[in-house]
Amino acid sequence: MNLENSHIARKEKCSAGTITLRSDKILMFNPLEHKTTVNISELKEMYAVFMDITSGVPHLYYSDNTNIKSFGAEERVYVSDNFHHFATACAIKENSPIVRFITLSILYLNKPKIPLKMFKTEDAAIKWLKSLN
């Protein structure tokens, strides 16, 4: 985790992984190592943690989706409908054509209400998020 000039302000675990709020106000999600999909109940649990950890104020958001290989239609709609409640922009780390396809499908079918961009490295993603402030 790139903590350049920041530290962990708050960290919460959920069934899908770890949600962290950095001192520079970047909200982060890192899935469990074996996690290849996230279902609707996990998304709802994550949403509750995001809203709690941010006190309902949207933040810059980073998600490491390198191992997420499956994302259903219901999940895509849920993310599209709720992202903007906790995020002002989203940087996604991806490393495969499958992750890129899933993300581009979300963008095409369920246009997000916030800027969203994909990156190969966490450093590049965090740099982009910080450039938005």
C-alpha atoms as a PDB file:
ATOM      1  CA  MET A   1       0.000   0.000   0.000  1.00  0.00           C
ATOM      2  CA  ASN A   2       1.447   3.331  -1.097  1.00  0.00           C
ATOM      3  CA  LEU A   3       1.387   5.544   1.992  1.00  0.00           C
ATOM      4  CA  GLU A   4       3.713   8.238   0.656  1.00  0.00           C
ATOM      5  CA  ASN A   5       3.224  11.241   2.965  1.00  0.00           C
ATOM      6  CA  SER A   6       0.203   9.647   4.607  1.00  0.00           C
ATOM      7  CA  HIS A   7      -0.692   7.073   7.217  1.00  0.00           C
ATOM      8  CA  ILE A   8      -3.686   4.897   7.943  1.00  0.00           C
ATOM      9  CA  ALA A   9      -6.359   6.959   9.687  1.00  0.00           C
ATOM     10  CA  ARG A  10      -8.843   4.083   9.958  1.00  0.00           C
ATOM     11  CA  LYS A  11      -8.993   0.461   8.856  1.00  0.00           C
ATOM     12  CA  GLU A  12     -11.997  -1.880   8.776  1.00  0.00           C
ATOM     13  CA  LYS A  13     -12.269  -5.499   7.706  1.00  0.00           C
ATOM     14  CA  CYS A  14     -15.294  -6.891   5.890  1.00  0.00           C
ATOM     15  CA  SER A  15     -16.107 -10.261   4.361  1.00  0.00           C
ATOM     16  CA  ALA A  16     -14.626  -9.205   0.988  1.00  0.00           C
ATOM     17  CA  GLY A  17     -11.398  -7.583   2.218  1.00  0.00           C
ATOM     18  CA  THR A  18     -10.034  -4.489   3.932  1.00  0.00           C
ATOM     19  CA  ILE A  19     -11.283  -0.920   3.671  1.00  0.00           C
ATOM     20  CA  THR A  20      -8.827   1.788   4.673  1.00  0.00           C
ATOM     21  CA  LEU A  21      -9.073   5.540   5.034  1.00  0.00           C
ATOM     22  CA  ARG A  22      -5.696   7.195   4.658  1.00  0.00           C
ATOM     23  CA  SER A  23      -4.741  10.443   6.370  1.00  0.00           C
ATOM     24  CA  ASP A  24      -4.715  12.130   2.931  1.00  0.00           C
ATOM     25  CA  LYS A  25      -8.453  11.263   2.704  1.00  0.00           C
ATOM     26  CA  ILE A  26      -8.085   8.525   0.087  1.00  0.00           C
ATOM     27  CA  LEU A  27     -10.470   5.643   0.698  1.00  0.00           C
ATOM     28  CA  MET A  28      -9.062   2.254  -0.328  1.00  0.00           C
ATOM     29  CA  PHE A  29     -10.395  -1.255  -0.860  1.00  0.00           C
ATOM     30  CA  ASN A  30      -8.107  -4.275  -0.989  1.00  0.00           C
ATOM     31  CA  PRO A  31      -9.914  -7.603  -1.456  1.00  0.00           C
ATOM     32  CA  LEU A  32      -8.959 -10.794   0.315  1.00  0.00           C
ATOM     33  CA  GLU A  33      -6.132 -12.540  -1.511  1.00  0.00           C
ATOM     34  CA  HIS A  34      -8.307 -15.423  -2.768  1.00  0.00           C
ATOM     35  CA  LYS A  35     -11.246 -13.187  -3.735  1.00  0.00           C
ATOM     36  CA  THR A  36     -12.172 -13.426  -7.444  1.00  0.00           C
ATOM     37  CA  THR A  37     -15.751 -12.147  -7.293  1.00  0.00           C
ATOM     38  CA  VAL A  38     -17.834  -9.843  -5.122  1.00  0.00           C
ATOM     39  CA  ASN A  39     -21.546 -10.556  -4.674  1.00  0.00           C
ATOM     40  CA  ILE A  40     -24.407  -8.185  -3.865  1.00  0.00           C
ATOM     41  CA  SER A  41     -24.459  -8.951  -0.127  1.00  0.00           C
ATOM     42  CA  GLU A  42     -20.734  -8.234   0.111  1.00  0.00           C
ATOM     43  CA  LEU A  43     -21.218  -4.976  -1.818  1.00  0.00           C
ATOM     44  CA  LYS A  44     -23.960  -3.912   0.589  1.00  0.00           C
ATOM     45  CA  GLU A  45     -21.708  -4.717   3.552  1.00  0.00           C
ATOM     46  CA  MET A  46     -18.860  -2.753   1.948  1.00  0.00           C
ATOM     47  CA  TYR A  47     -21.202   0.174   1.252  1.00  0.00           C
ATOM     48  CA  ALA A  48     -22.155   0.343   4.946  1.00  0.00           C
ATOM     49  CA  VAL A  49     -18.459   0.373   5.920  1.00  0.00           C
ATOM     50  CA  PHE A  50     -17.653   3.025   3.275  1.00  0.00           C
ATOM     51  CA  MET A  51     -20.440   5.264   4.546  1.00  0.00           C
ATOM     52  CA  ASP A  52     -19.383   4.769   8.173  1.00  0.00           C
ATOM     53  CA  ILE A  53     -15.668   5.272   7.601  1.00  0.00           C
ATOM     54  CA  THR A  54     -16.272   8.467   5.564  1.00  0.00           C
ATOM     55  CA  SER A  55     -19.103   9.766   7.799  1.00  0.00           C
ATOM     56  CA  GLY A  56     -21.190  10.001   4.629  1.00  0.00           C
ATOM     57  CA  VAL A  57     -18.809  12.462   2.953  1.00  0.00           C
ATOM     58  CA  PRO A  58     -17.561  11.235  -0.462  1.00  0.00           C
ATOM     59  CA  HIS A  59     -13.782  10.764  -0.788  1.00  0.00           C
ATOM     60  CA  LEU A  60     -11.306   9.873  -3.514  1.00  0.00           C
ATOM     61  CA  TYR A  61     -11.451   6.097  -3.867  1.00  0.00           C
ATOM     62  CA  TYR A  62      -8.949   3.405  -4.909  1.00  0.00           C
ATOM     63  CA  SER A  63      -9.868  -0.244  -5.496  1.00  0.00           C
ATOM     64  CA  ASP A  64      -7.429  -3.077  -6.177  1.00  0.00           C
ATOM     65  CA  ASN A  65      -9.407  -5.232  -8.619  1.00  0.00           C
ATOM     66  CA  THR A  66      -6.477  -7.284  -9.903  1.00  0.00           C
ATOM     67  CA  ASN A  67      -8.024 -10.609  -8.865  1.00  0.00           C
ATOM     68  CA  ILE A  68     -11.701  -9.795  -9.432  1.00  0.00           C
ATOM     69  CA  LYS A  69     -12.640 -11.915 -12.459  1.00  0.00           C
ATOM     70  CA  SER A  70     -16.438 -11.964 -12.203  1.00  0.00           C
ATOM     71  CA  PHE A  71     -19.048  -9.286 -11.539  1.00  0.00           C
ATOM     72  CA  GLY A  72     -22.748  -9.872 -12.214  1.00  0.00           C
ATOM     73  CA  ALA A  73     -25.351  -7.525 -13.711  1.00  0.00           C
ATOM     74  CA  GLU A  74     -27.028  -6.868 -10.345  1.00  0.00           C
ATOM     75  CA  GLU A  75     -23.658  -6.005  -8.820  1.00  0.00           C
ATOM     76  CA  ARG A  76     -22.786  -3.642 -11.712  1.00  0.00           C
ATOM     77  CA  VAL A  77     -26.067  -1.755 -11.283  1.00  0.00           C
ATOM     78  CA  TYR A  78     -25.586  -1.551  -7.497  1.00  0.00           C
ATOM     79  CA  VAL A  79     -22.086  -0.123  -7.867  1.00  0.00           C
ATOM     80  CA  SER A  80     -23.214   2.386 -10.483  1.00  0.00           C
ATOM     81  CA  ASP A  81     -26.171   3.498  -8.361  1.00  0.00           C
ATOM     82  CA  ASN A  82     -24.204   3.851  -5.108  1.00  0.00           C
ATOM     83  CA  PHE A  83     -20.566   4.750  -5.895  1.00  0.00           C
ATOM     84  CA  HIS A  84     -21.130   8.475  -5.757  1.00  0.00           C
ATOM     85  CA  HIS A  85     -22.433   8.294  -2.175  1.00  0.00           C
ATOM     86  CA  PHE A  86     -18.931   7.567  -0.848  1.00  0.00           C
ATOM     87  CA  ALA A  87     -16.580   8.413  -3.750  1.00  0.00           C
ATOM     88  CA  THR A  88     -15.814  11.589  -5.698  1.00  0.00           C
ATOM     89  CA  ALA A  89     -13.569   9.713  -8.161  1.00  0.00           C
ATOM     90  CA  CYS A  90     -12.446   6.107  -8.525  1.00  0.00           C
ATOM     91  CA  ALA A  91      -9.057   4.675  -9.505  1.00  0.00           C
ATOM     92  CA  ILE A  92      -9.046   0.936 -10.195  1.00  0.00           C
ATOM     93  CA  LYS A  93      -5.938  -1.204 -10.292  1.00  0.00           C
ATOM     94  CA  GLU A  94      -6.257  -3.924 -12.918  1.00  0.00           C
ATOM     95  CA  ASN A  95      -3.859  -6.416 -14.441  1.00  0.00           C
ATOM     96  CA  SER A  96      -5.796  -8.452 -16.966  1.00  0.00           C
ATOM     97  CA  PRO A  97      -8.083  -8.231 -19.976  1.00  0.00           C
ATOM     98  CA  ILE A  98     -10.875  -9.786 -17.873  1.00  0.00           C
ATOM     99  CA  VAL A  99     -10.745  -7.039 -15.225  1.00  0.00           C
ATOM    100  CA  ARG A 100     -10.498  -4.382 -17.937  1.00  0.00           C
ATOM    101  CA  PHE A 101     -13.518  -5.891 -19.748  1.00  0.00           C
ATOM    102  CA  ILE A 102     -15.608  -6.002 -16.546  1.00  0.00           C
ATOM    103  CA  THR A 103     -14.762  -2.373 -15.773  1.00  0.00           C
ATOM    104  CA  LEU A 104     -15.413  -1.183 -19.311  1.00  0.00           C
ATOM    105  CA  SER A 105     -18.750  -3.051 -19.253  1.00  0.00           C
ATOM    106  CA  ILE A 106     -19.730  -1.165 -16.099  1.00  0.00           C
ATOM    107  CA  LEU A 107     -18.743   2.105 -17.746  1.00  0.00           C
ATOM    108  CA  TYR A 108     -20.679   1.327 -20.913  1.00  0.00           C
ATOM    109  CA  LEU A 109     -23.817  -0.269 -19.474  1.00  0.00           C
ATOM    110  CA  ASN A 110     -24.101   1.653 -16.208  1.00  0.00           C
ATOM    111  CA  LYS A 111     -22.455   5.027 -16.670  1.00  0.00           C
ATOM    112  CA  PRO A 112     -20.930   6.029 -13.328  1.00  0.00           C
ATOM    113  CA  LYS A 113     -21.721   9.412 -11.829  1.00  0.00           C
ATOM    114  CA  ILE A 114     -18.057   9.980 -10.914  1.00  0.00           C
ATOM    115  CA  PRO A 115     -14.767   9.957 -12.857  1.00  0.00           C
ATOM    116  CA  LEU A 116     -13.331   6.444 -13.088  1.00  0.00           C
ATOM    117  CA  LYS A 117      -9.999   5.376 -14.516  1.00  0.00           C
ATOM    118  CA  MET A 118      -7.991   2.129 -14.597  1.00  0.00           C
ATOM    119  CA  PHE A 119      -4.301   1.737 -13.795  1.00  0.00           C
ATOM    120  CA  LYS A 120      -1.659  -0.974 -13.819  1.00  0.00           C
ATOM    121  CA  THR A 121      -0.061   0.192 -10.543  1.00  0.00           C
ATOM    122  CA  GLU A 122      -1.265   1.539  -7.223  1.00  0.00           C
ATOM    123  CA  ASP A 123       1.265   4.390  -7.408  1.00  0.00           C
ATOM    124  CA  ALA A 124      -0.144   5.627 -10.736  1.00  0.00           C
ATOM    125  CA  ALA A 125      -3.706   5.342  -9.412  1.00  0.00           C
ATOM    126  CA  ILE A 126      -2.942   7.303  -6.232  1.00  0.00           C
ATOM    127  CA  LYS A 127      -1.058   9.951  -8.223  1.00  0.00           C
ATOM    128  CA  TRP A 128      -4.102  10.435 -10.483  1.00  0.00           C
ATOM    129  CA  LEU A 129      -6.469  10.665  -7.505  1.00  0.00           C
ATOM    130  CA  LYS A 130      -4.248  13.255  -5.812  1.00  0.00           C
ATOM    131  CA  SER A 131      -4.165  15.302  -9.047  1.00  0.00           C
ATOM    132  CA  LEU A 132      -7.939  15.725  -8.763  1.00  0.00           C
ATOM    133  CA  ASN A 133      -7.726  17.675  -5.498  1.00  0.00           C
END
